[in-house]
C-alpha atoms as a PDB file:
ATOM      1  CA  MET A   1       0.000   0.000   0.000  1.00  0.00           C
ATOM      2  CA  LEU A   2       1.269   3.455  -0.876  1.00  0.00           C
ATOM      3  CA  LEU A   3      -0.463   6.289   0.938  1.00  0.00           C
ATOM      4  CA  MET A   4       0.331   9.891   0.087  1.00  0.00           C
ATOM      5  CA  LYS A   5      -0.960  13.196   1.318  1.00  0.00           C
ATOM      6  CA  ARG A   6      -1.682  16.246  -0.799  1.00  0.00           C
ATOM      7  CA  GLY A   7       1.446  17.330  -2.571  1.00  0.00           C
ATOM      8  CA  GLY A   8       2.536  13.753  -3.217  1.00  0.00           C
ATOM      9  CA  GLN A   9       4.459  13.174   0.008  1.00  0.00           C
ATOM     10  CA  VAL A  10       4.458   9.552   1.175  1.00  0.00           C
ATOM     11  CA  ILE A  11       2.974   8.955   4.618  1.00  0.00           C
ATOM     12  CA  TYR A  12       2.879   5.130   4.479  1.00  0.00           C
ATOM     13  CA  ALA A  13       4.361   2.499   2.190  1.00  0.00           C
ATOM     14  CA  GLY A  14       4.190  -1.130   3.123  1.00  0.00           C
ATOM     15  CA  SER A  15       2.030  -4.138   3.650  1.00  0.00           C
ATOM     16  CA  LEU A  16      -1.432  -3.718   5.114  1.00  0.00           C
ATOM     17  CA  GLY A  17      -1.356  -7.043   6.906  1.00  0.00           C
ATOM     18  CA  HIS A  18      -4.366  -9.173   7.755  1.00  0.00           C
ATOM     19  CA  ARG A  19      -7.332  -6.865   8.335  1.00  0.00           C
ATOM     20  CA  SER A  20      -4.962  -3.895   7.934  1.00  0.00           C
ATOM     21  CA  HIS A  21      -3.247  -4.627  11.259  1.00  0.00           C
ATOM     22  CA  LYS A  22       0.178  -3.384  10.093  1.00  0.00           C
ATOM     23  CA  LEU A  23      -1.235  -0.059   8.901  1.00  0.00           C
ATOM     24  CA  ILE A  24      -3.224   0.307  12.119  1.00  0.00           C
ATOM     25  CA  GLU A  25      -0.213  -0.491  14.323  1.00  0.00           C
ATOM     26  CA  TYR A  26       1.913   2.019  12.429  1.00  0.00           C
ATOM     27  CA  PHE A  27      -0.511   4.938  12.803  1.00  0.00           C
ATOM     28  CA  GLU A  28      -1.585   4.076  16.354  1.00  0.00           C
ATOM     29  CA  ALA A  29       2.082   4.351  17.364  1.00  0.00           C
ATOM     30  CA  VAL A  30       2.062   8.049  16.430  1.00  0.00           C
ATOM     31  CA  PRO A  31       1.499  10.043  19.644  1.00  0.00           C
ATOM     32  CA  GLY A  32      -2.009  11.477  19.813  1.00  0.00           C
ATOM     33  CA  VAL A  33      -3.528   9.424  16.999  1.00  0.00           C
ATOM     34  CA  PRO A  34      -6.849   8.031  18.237  1.00  0.00           C
ATOM     35  CA  LYS A  35      -7.097   4.238  18.386  1.00  0.00           C
ATOM     36  CA  ILE A  36      -9.391   2.555  15.887  1.00  0.00           C
ATOM     37  CA  ARG A  37     -12.769   1.612  17.366  1.00  0.00           C
ATOM     38  CA  ASP A  38     -13.931  -2.007  17.371  1.00  0.00           C
ATOM     39  CA  ALA A  39     -15.535  -3.075  14.073  1.00  0.00           C
ATOM     40  CA  TYR A  40     -14.643   0.287  12.470  1.00  0.00           C
ATOM     41  CA  ASN A  41     -13.614   0.305   8.809  1.00  0.00           C
ATOM     42  CA  PRO A  42      -9.788   0.623   8.691  1.00  0.00           C
ATOM     43  CA  ALA A  43      -9.903   2.546   5.384  1.00  0.00           C
ATOM     44  CA  THR A  44     -12.288   5.136   6.826  1.00  0.00           C
ATOM     45  CA  TRP A  45     -10.224   5.433  10.012  1.00  0.00           C
ATOM     46  CA  MET A  46      -6.997   5.867   8.030  1.00  0.00           C
ATOM     47  CA  LEU A  47      -8.514   8.652   5.926  1.00  0.00           C
ATOM     48  CA  GLU A  48      -9.817  10.399   9.053  1.00  0.00           C
ATOM     49  CA  ILE A  49      -6.593  10.243  11.040  1.00  0.00           C
ATOM     50  CA  SER A  50      -4.353  11.222   8.109  1.00  0.00           C
ATOM     51  CA  ALA A  51      -6.415  14.250   7.071  1.00  0.00           C
ATOM     52  CA  PRO A  52      -4.665  17.643   7.014  1.00  0.00           C
ATOM     53  CA  SER A  53      -6.976  18.828   9.804  1.00  0.00           C
ATOM     54  CA  MET A  54      -5.819  15.931  12.019  1.00  0.00           C
ATOM     55  CA  GLU A  55      -2.163  16.686  11.227  1.00  0.00           C
ATOM     56  CA  ALA A  56      -2.774  20.265  12.353  1.00  0.00           C
ATOM     57  CA  GLN A  57      -4.665  19.167  15.473  1.00  0.00           C
ATOM     58  CA  LEU A  58      -1.892  16.747  16.461  1.00  0.00           C
ATOM     59  CA  ASP A  59       0.880  19.102  15.325  1.00  0.00           C
ATOM     60  CA  VAL A  60       2.450  16.259  13.339  1.00  0.00           C
ATOM     61  CA  ASP A  61       3.688  15.945   9.774  1.00  0.00           C
ATOM     62  CA  PHE A  62       2.890  12.396   8.692  1.00  0.00           C
ATOM     63  CA  ALA A  63       5.359  12.609   5.794  1.00  0.00           C
ATOM     64  CA  GLU A  64       8.145  13.522   8.211  1.00  0.00           C
ATOM     65  CA  GLN A  65       6.964  10.813  10.600  1.00  0.00           C
ATOM     66  CA  TYR A  66       7.186   8.257   7.777  1.00  0.00           C
ATOM     67  CA  ALA A  67      10.612   9.499   6.598  1.00  0.00           C
ATOM     68  CA  ASN A  68      11.949   8.910  10.121  1.00  0.00           C
ATOM     69  CA  SER A  69      10.283   5.513  10.554  1.00  0.00           C
ATOM     70  CA  SER A  70      11.713   2.018  10.311  1.00  0.00           C
ATOM     71  CA  LEU A  71       9.375   1.398   7.356  1.00  0.00           C
ATOM     72  CA  TYR A  72      11.270   4.003   5.344  1.00  0.00           C
ATOM     73  CA  GLN A  73      14.736   2.881   6.420  1.00  0.00           C
END
């Protein structure tokens, strides 16, 4: 899966895992990102938590977060 934000910056590149567990684990490890609710659609959750408004609210740049992650290394 390749996930980019506006401007073409990569915020996630890697396997989704069974039921998107790898994607969920990656984003839930970012301080302040709300945990996914039980039975919630992972695609919807990912779009909500990676929105520009959420980046601003959390004061985080997901592209920078990805560039400094072990996934990128």
